[in-house]
Protein backbone atom coordinates (compact mmCIF):
# COMPACT_ATOMS: atom_id res chain seq x y z
CA MET A 1 83.55 113.30 129.30
CA ASN A 2 81.13 112.33 126.35
CA GLN A 3 82.45 110.11 123.54
CA ASP A 4 82.86 112.82 120.92
CA VAL A 5 85.06 114.88 123.29
CA MET A 6 86.96 111.74 124.46
CA LYS A 7 87.57 110.78 120.66
CA GLU A 8 88.82 114.27 120.02
CA ALA A 9 91.21 114.23 122.98
CA ILE A 10 92.44 110.72 121.70
CA LEU A 11 93.14 111.97 118.21
CA ASP A 12 95.07 114.98 119.79
CA GLU A 13 97.23 112.53 121.69
CA LEU A 14 97.82 110.29 118.67
CA GLU A 15 99.00 113.42 116.69
CA ASN A 16 102.00 113.19 118.90
CA VAL A 17 102.86 109.71 117.77
CA LEU A 18 105.20 109.94 114.83
CA ASP A 19 105.94 107.38 112.25
CA PRO A 20 109.49 106.42 112.98
CA GLU A 21 110.61 106.54 109.40
CA LEU A 22 108.52 109.33 107.99
CA HIS A 23 108.51 111.58 111.14
CA ILE A 24 104.84 112.47 110.42
CA ASP A 25 102.23 111.81 112.99
CA ILE A 26 99.96 108.79 112.24
CA VAL A 27 96.81 110.78 112.38
CA ASN A 28 97.90 113.08 109.46
CA LEU A 29 99.41 110.07 107.62
CA GLY A 30 95.94 108.53 107.63
CA LEU A 31 96.95 105.46 109.61
CA ILE A 32 93.99 105.65 112.04
CA TYR A 33 90.94 104.02 110.55
CA ASN A 34 88.64 104.00 113.47
CA LEU A 35 88.18 104.64 117.17
CA GLU A 36 85.61 102.94 119.34
CA ILE A 37 84.91 103.57 122.99
CA ASP A 38 82.77 101.07 124.81
CA ASP A 39 80.74 101.68 128.08
CA LYS A 40 83.60 100.76 130.28
CA GLN A 41 85.82 103.31 128.63
CA LYS A 42 87.88 100.80 126.80
CA VAL A 43 89.16 102.29 123.57
CA THR A 44 89.74 100.11 120.43
CA VAL A 45 91.96 101.76 117.79
CA THR A 46 91.93 100.15 114.36
CA MET A 47 94.76 101.44 112.42
CA THR A 48 97.26 100.29 109.69
CA LEU A 49 100.93 101.01 108.77
CA THR A 50 102.43 102.47 105.85
CA ALA A 51 103.96 99.09 104.85
CA MET A 52 102.84 95.51 105.68
CA GLY A 53 105.42 93.63 107.60
CA CYS A 54 106.78 96.92 108.99
CA PRO A 55 109.53 95.94 111.55
CA LEU A 56 108.60 98.75 113.76
CA SER A 57 104.85 97.74 114.19
CA GLY A 58 105.45 96.63 117.91
CA THR A 59 107.03 99.99 118.55
CA ILE A 60 104.11 101.96 117.06
CA HIS A 61 101.68 99.65 118.86
CA GLY A 62 103.31 100.64 122.14
CA MET A 63 103.32 104.34 121.34
CA VAL A 64 99.80 104.25 120.37
CA THR A 65 98.69 102.49 123.64
CA GLU A 66 100.65 104.81 125.64
CA ALA A 67 99.21 107.95 123.99
CA VAL A 68 95.64 106.79 124.31
CA MET A 69 96.18 105.91 127.95
CA LYS A 70 97.14 109.62 128.64
CA VAL A 71 93.44 110.60 127.95
CA ASN A 72 91.31 111.14 131.04
CA ASN A 73 88.78 108.36 131.76
CA VAL A 74 90.23 105.73 129.48
CA GLN A 75 90.45 102.49 131.30
CA ASP A 76 92.02 100.12 128.64
CA VAL A 77 93.29 100.14 125.03
CA GLU A 78 93.16 97.70 122.33
CA VAL A 79 95.20 98.39 119.16
CA ASN A 80 94.23 96.37 116.13
CA ILE A 81 96.72 96.68 113.20
CA VAL A 82 94.96 95.72 109.94
CA TYR A 83 95.91 95.84 106.26
CA ASP A 84 92.55 95.96 104.60
CA PRO A 85 91.95 98.45 103.30
CA PRO A 86 95.54 99.02 102.36
CA TRP A 87 97.09 102.31 103.17
CA ASP A 88 97.97 104.68 100.17
CA LYS A 89 99.01 108.24 99.96
CA SER A 90 95.43 109.35 99.29
CA ARG A 91 94.62 108.97 102.96
CA MET A 92 97.25 111.46 104.13
CA SER A 93 96.20 115.09 105.11
CA ARG A 94 97.32 118.07 103.11
CA TYR A 95 99.71 118.91 106.02
CA ALA A 96 101.48 115.43 105.65
CA LYS A 97 101.64 115.72 102.02
CA ILE A 98 103.29 119.02 102.15
CA ALA A 99 105.62 117.97 104.75
CA LEU A 100 106.69 115.02 102.59
CA GLY A 101 106.83 117.10 99.51
CA ILE A 102 104.08 115.04 97.73
CA ALA A 103 102.14 117.10 95.14
CA ASP A 104 98.43 116.94 95.42
C-alpha cells in the first residue's frame, strides 16, 4: 500500500473518532494537523485538542492510537498532541460547522 493510500485509510479511520464533548469526528473538527509514515510503517499523528488542558486528552490519545492501528500495514503509532498552532473554529470543515450550528 503506498503512503497516499495509507494516509487516506488512516484519515477514514480517524473520522470514526468522535470528540467526546462535541460528538463530531476529529478530522472534520480540524484537530489532525499532520500524518507521517516512515519506512517501517510507523505512523506519527500530530494533532491538537479543542482546549488546552482537556481532561479527556488521554482518552482521545487512546482512541486515535486504536483507530490508526486498524489500518493494514501499520506497525506502530505515535500520537503527538500539540497546542501550536492553537486550534480555532476556522479549522473545522463545513460539515462540522453545520452540525454544530456555527454560521460560516
